[in-house]
Amino acid sequence: MRNNTVETLIAALVIAVAAGFLFFAYNSTHSGEFRTYDVQASLGSVDGIVTGADVRLNGIKIGTVTSIAMDPKTYRPVAQLALRDDIHFSSDSTARIASGILNGNPYLSIQPGRNGNKLVDGSQWKAN
């Protein structure tokens, strides 16, 4: 009987430590939800980019591609992006397609501009 109690206490301790590690990992990677704003980006090409692809700045995920369509007037691809609300780019910023090193999944990489005209919710942006 005493042996079962000790095993139960050890198992509870292992589960508590594992939960602590998961909590730490979740908080340290900033995996929580962020408030976002939507931007419509006109791109030269969307080769390999799909809905749900990451939008990154210097390798850090700052948003997601929420949809891809074609502008019927210009025949250019247009991507709808949901970007973190605490990061705003100027309208002369550019975007390019890059590949992840570890998984090879393409993502949209943003190079910030400097003109001071910030993109806000609902902005239309010619990204390249």
Protein backbone atom coordinates (compact mmCIF):
# COMPACT_ATOMS: atom_id res chain seq x y z
CA MET A 1 0.00 0.00 0.00
CA ARG A 2 2.80 2.43 0.90
CA ASN A 3 4.52 1.67 -2.43
CA ASN A 4 1.41 2.75 -4.43
CA THR A 5 1.22 6.06 -2.55
CA VAL A 6 4.88 6.87 -3.29
CA GLU A 7 4.44 5.99 -6.98
CA THR A 8 1.33 8.17 -7.17
CA LEU A 9 3.14 11.14 -5.58
CA ILE A 10 6.10 10.75 -7.95
CA ALA A 11 3.77 10.57 -10.96
CA ALA A 12 1.97 13.74 -9.80
CA LEU A 13 5.32 15.49 -9.39
CA VAL A 14 6.41 14.47 -12.92
CA ILE A 15 3.14 15.76 -14.37
CA ALA A 16 3.48 19.07 -12.48
CA VAL A 17 7.06 19.55 -13.74
CA ALA A 18 6.00 18.76 -17.33
CA ALA A 19 3.13 21.27 -17.07
CA GLY A 20 5.61 23.86 -15.78
CA PHE A 21 7.90 23.28 -18.77
CA LEU A 22 4.99 23.61 -21.20
CA PHE A 23 3.87 26.85 -19.55
CA PHE A 24 7.42 28.23 -19.72
CA ALA A 25 7.85 27.24 -23.38
CA TYR A 26 4.49 28.76 -24.33
CA ASN A 27 5.29 32.08 -22.65
CA SER A 28 8.90 32.32 -23.81
CA THR A 29 8.06 31.73 -27.49
CA HIS A 30 5.22 34.27 -27.45
CA SER A 31 2.86 31.70 -28.94
CA GLY A 32 -0.17 33.56 -27.63
CA GLU A 33 -2.58 35.46 -29.79
CA PHE A 34 -1.80 39.01 -30.83
CA ARG A 35 -4.17 41.70 -31.94
CA THR A 36 -3.83 42.15 -35.68
CA TYR A 37 -4.63 44.60 -38.44
CA ASP A 38 -5.31 43.69 -42.08
CA VAL A 39 -3.31 44.91 -45.05
CA GLN A 40 -3.86 44.12 -48.73
CA ALA A 41 -0.47 43.60 -50.40
CA SER A 42 -0.04 43.69 -54.16
CA LEU A 43 2.85 41.36 -55.00
CA GLY A 44 4.83 40.55 -58.13
CA SER A 45 4.55 36.82 -57.50
CA VAL A 46 3.26 34.44 -54.84
CA ASP A 47 5.22 31.33 -55.90
CA GLY A 48 4.83 28.77 -53.13
CA ILE A 49 2.93 31.06 -50.76
CA VAL A 50 -0.38 29.64 -49.56
CA THR A 51 -3.10 30.80 -47.21
CA GLY A 52 -1.78 30.38 -43.68
CA ALA A 53 1.86 31.07 -44.63
CA ASP A 54 3.93 33.10 -42.18
CA VAL A 55 4.80 36.76 -42.62
CA ARG A 56 8.20 37.42 -41.02
CA LEU A 57 10.50 40.29 -40.19
CA ASN A 58 14.14 39.25 -39.73
CA GLY A 59 13.01 35.66 -39.16
CA ILE A 60 10.41 36.52 -36.51
CA LYS A 61 6.78 35.71 -37.28
CA ILE A 62 4.74 38.90 -37.25
CA GLY A 63 1.69 37.82 -39.21
CA THR A 64 -0.11 35.41 -41.48
CA VAL A 65 -1.30 35.34 -45.08
CA THR A 66 -5.09 35.10 -44.75
CA SER A 67 -6.01 34.94 -48.45
CA ILE A 68 -4.57 35.17 -51.96
CA ALA A 69 -6.38 36.42 -55.04
CA MET A 70 -5.64 38.07 -58.38
CA ASP A 71 -6.46 41.68 -59.16
CA PRO A 72 -8.60 41.43 -62.33
CA LYS A 73 -7.40 44.84 -63.59
CA THR A 74 -3.63 44.44 -63.18
CA TYR A 75 -3.37 40.62 -63.09
CA ARG A 76 -1.09 40.96 -60.08
CA PRO A 77 -1.46 38.64 -57.10
CA VAL A 78 -2.96 40.29 -54.04
CA ALA A 79 -2.42 38.80 -50.58
CA GLN A 80 -4.47 39.72 -47.56
CA LEU A 81 -2.17 39.85 -44.51
CA ALA A 82 -3.03 39.88 -40.82
CA LEU A 83 -0.11 41.66 -39.11
CA ARG A 84 0.62 42.16 -35.42
CA ASP A 85 -0.96 45.38 -34.21
CA ASP A 86 2.20 46.49 -32.40
CA ILE A 87 4.26 46.51 -35.63
CA HIS A 88 3.45 49.03 -38.39
CA PHE A 89 5.45 49.40 -41.59
CA SER A 90 5.84 52.37 -43.86
CA SER A 91 4.23 52.24 -47.28
CA ASP A 92 7.61 51.97 -49.06
CA SER A 93 8.39 48.64 -47.36
CA THR A 94 8.96 45.66 -49.65
CA ALA A 95 8.09 41.99 -49.41
CA ARG A 96 9.79 38.96 -50.93
CA ILE A 97 9.29 35.23 -50.81
CA ALA A 98 11.83 33.31 -48.74
CA SER A 99 12.24 29.67 -47.74
CA GLY A 100 12.55 28.34 -44.23
CA ILE A 101 15.92 26.72 -43.49
CA LEU A 102 14.63 23.86 -41.35
CA ASN A 103 11.29 23.01 -42.92
CA GLY A 104 11.64 24.61 -46.37
CA ASN A 105 8.18 26.18 -46.20
CA PRO A 106 8.03 29.46 -48.10
CA TYR A 107 7.06 32.59 -46.19
CA LEU A 108 6.68 36.28 -46.92
CA SER A 109 9.64 38.30 -45.67
CA ILE A 110 9.14 42.03 -45.14
CA GLN A 111 11.92 44.59 -45.52
CA PRO A 112 10.88 47.79 -43.71
CA GLY A 113 10.92 51.10 -45.55
CA ARG A 114 11.58 54.57 -44.16
CA ASN A 115 9.14 57.09 -45.65
CA GLY A 116 7.03 57.46 -42.50
CA ASN A 117 3.62 56.80 -44.10
CA LYS A 118 2.53 53.92 -41.87
CA LEU A 119 0.30 51.10 -43.07
CA VAL A 120 -2.89 50.89 -41.02
CA ASP A 121 -5.88 48.56 -40.95
CA GLY A 122 -7.35 48.32 -44.44
CA SER A 123 -4.32 49.79 -46.23
CA GLN A 124 -3.55 48.75 -49.80
CA TRP A 125 0.17 48.30 -50.26
CA LYS A 126 2.26 47.71 -53.37
CA ALA A 127 4.81 45.42 -51.73
CA ASN A 128 7.34 45.26 -54.60
